[in-house]
């Protein structure tokens, strides 16, 4: 019996800058297959514990990462990031 491959979720546009350069955030042990996707820029590995909930997407342009209705910024100077006056 053949297994059907789960359909990949199409990345949404970034809710902050509108960019389409969005990749999924991987919250799992990194397998060789996942590492290849990360190396090719098709995903990013989670780099911290998630206390507010698990991020699902990351914008490669502005650094926003989000899931559902909340978001945060990891790149200094990103859209709506705290900037010194």
Protein backbone atom coordinates (compact mmCIF):
# COMPACT_ATOMS: atom_id res chain seq x y z
CA UNK A 1 0.00 0.00 0.00
CA UNK A 2 1.39 3.39 -1.00
CA UNK A 3 1.34 6.24 1.44
CA UNK A 4 0.03 9.56 0.21
CA UNK A 5 2.39 12.43 0.84
CA UNK A 6 0.76 15.14 2.94
CA UNK A 7 0.14 18.27 0.92
CA UNK A 8 2.47 21.06 1.96
CA UNK A 9 0.82 24.19 3.25
CA UNK A 10 1.30 27.13 0.92
CA UNK A 11 3.15 29.90 2.76
CA UNK A 12 1.08 33.03 3.34
CA UNK A 13 2.35 36.52 2.60
CA UNK A 14 4.15 38.22 5.49
CA UNK A 15 1.59 40.06 7.64
CA UNK A 16 4.04 42.95 8.19
CA UNK A 17 5.81 43.66 4.91
CA UNK A 18 3.69 41.65 2.45
CA UNK A 19 6.69 39.71 1.09
CA UNK A 20 6.14 36.29 -0.45
CA UNK A 21 9.60 35.08 0.68
CA UNK A 22 8.15 33.12 3.62
CA UNK A 23 9.34 29.73 4.88
CA UNK A 24 8.03 27.31 7.51
CA UNK A 25 9.64 27.08 10.96
CA UNK A 26 10.62 23.50 11.84
CA UNK A 27 9.92 22.43 15.44
CA UNK A 28 11.27 18.91 15.27
CA UNK A 29 14.52 17.03 15.46
CA UNK A 30 16.47 17.96 12.33
CA UNK A 31 16.73 14.95 10.02
CA UNK A 32 19.06 14.87 7.01
CA UNK A 33 16.07 15.63 4.76
CA UNK A 34 15.02 18.63 6.87
CA UNK A 35 18.62 19.84 6.99
CA UNK A 36 18.76 19.84 3.19
CA UNK A 37 15.58 21.97 3.09
CA UNK A 38 17.08 24.36 5.64
CA UNK A 39 20.35 24.54 3.69
CA UNK A 40 18.42 25.39 0.50
CA UNK A 41 16.47 28.15 2.27
CA UNK A 42 13.12 26.35 2.07
CA UNK A 43 12.70 26.18 5.88
CA UNK A 44 14.29 27.42 9.11
CA UNK A 45 14.89 25.51 12.32
CA UNK A 46 13.34 26.84 15.51
CA UNK A 47 16.12 28.52 17.46
CA UNK A 48 14.47 28.94 20.85
CA UNK A 49 11.89 27.52 23.22
CA UNK A 50 8.42 28.74 22.40
CA UNK A 51 6.55 29.95 25.48
CA UNK A 52 3.84 31.93 23.71
CA UNK A 53 3.07 29.19 21.20
CA UNK A 54 4.87 27.63 18.28
CA UNK A 55 5.77 29.92 15.40
CA UNK A 56 4.71 28.55 12.05
CA UNK A 57 6.20 30.94 9.46
CA UNK A 58 9.21 33.24 9.05
CA UNK A 59 9.64 36.07 6.56
CA UNK A 60 13.09 35.99 4.99
CA UNK A 61 12.80 39.70 4.08
CA UNK A 62 11.91 41.45 7.36
CA UNK A 63 12.51 38.69 9.94
CA UNK A 64 8.97 38.58 11.26
CA UNK A 65 7.92 35.17 12.55
CA UNK A 66 4.34 34.35 13.39
CA UNK A 67 1.56 31.87 13.85
CA UNK A 68 -2.12 32.66 13.82
CA UNK A 69 -2.81 36.18 15.06
CA UNK A 70 0.46 37.02 16.82
CA UNK A 71 3.90 37.87 15.50
CA UNK A 72 7.35 39.01 16.61
CA UNK A 73 10.57 40.29 15.09
CA UNK A 74 14.04 38.83 15.32
CA UNK A 75 15.97 41.15 13.01
CA UNK A 76 16.95 44.54 14.46
CA UNK A 77 15.44 47.30 12.36
CA UNK A 78 12.80 45.03 10.83
CA UNK A 79 9.41 46.49 9.94
CA UNK A 80 7.77 47.80 13.15
CA UNK A 81 10.79 46.69 15.20
CA UNK A 82 11.89 48.89 18.08
CA UNK A 83 14.28 51.47 16.69
CA UNK A 84 16.39 53.98 18.59
CA UNK A 85 15.23 57.56 18.05
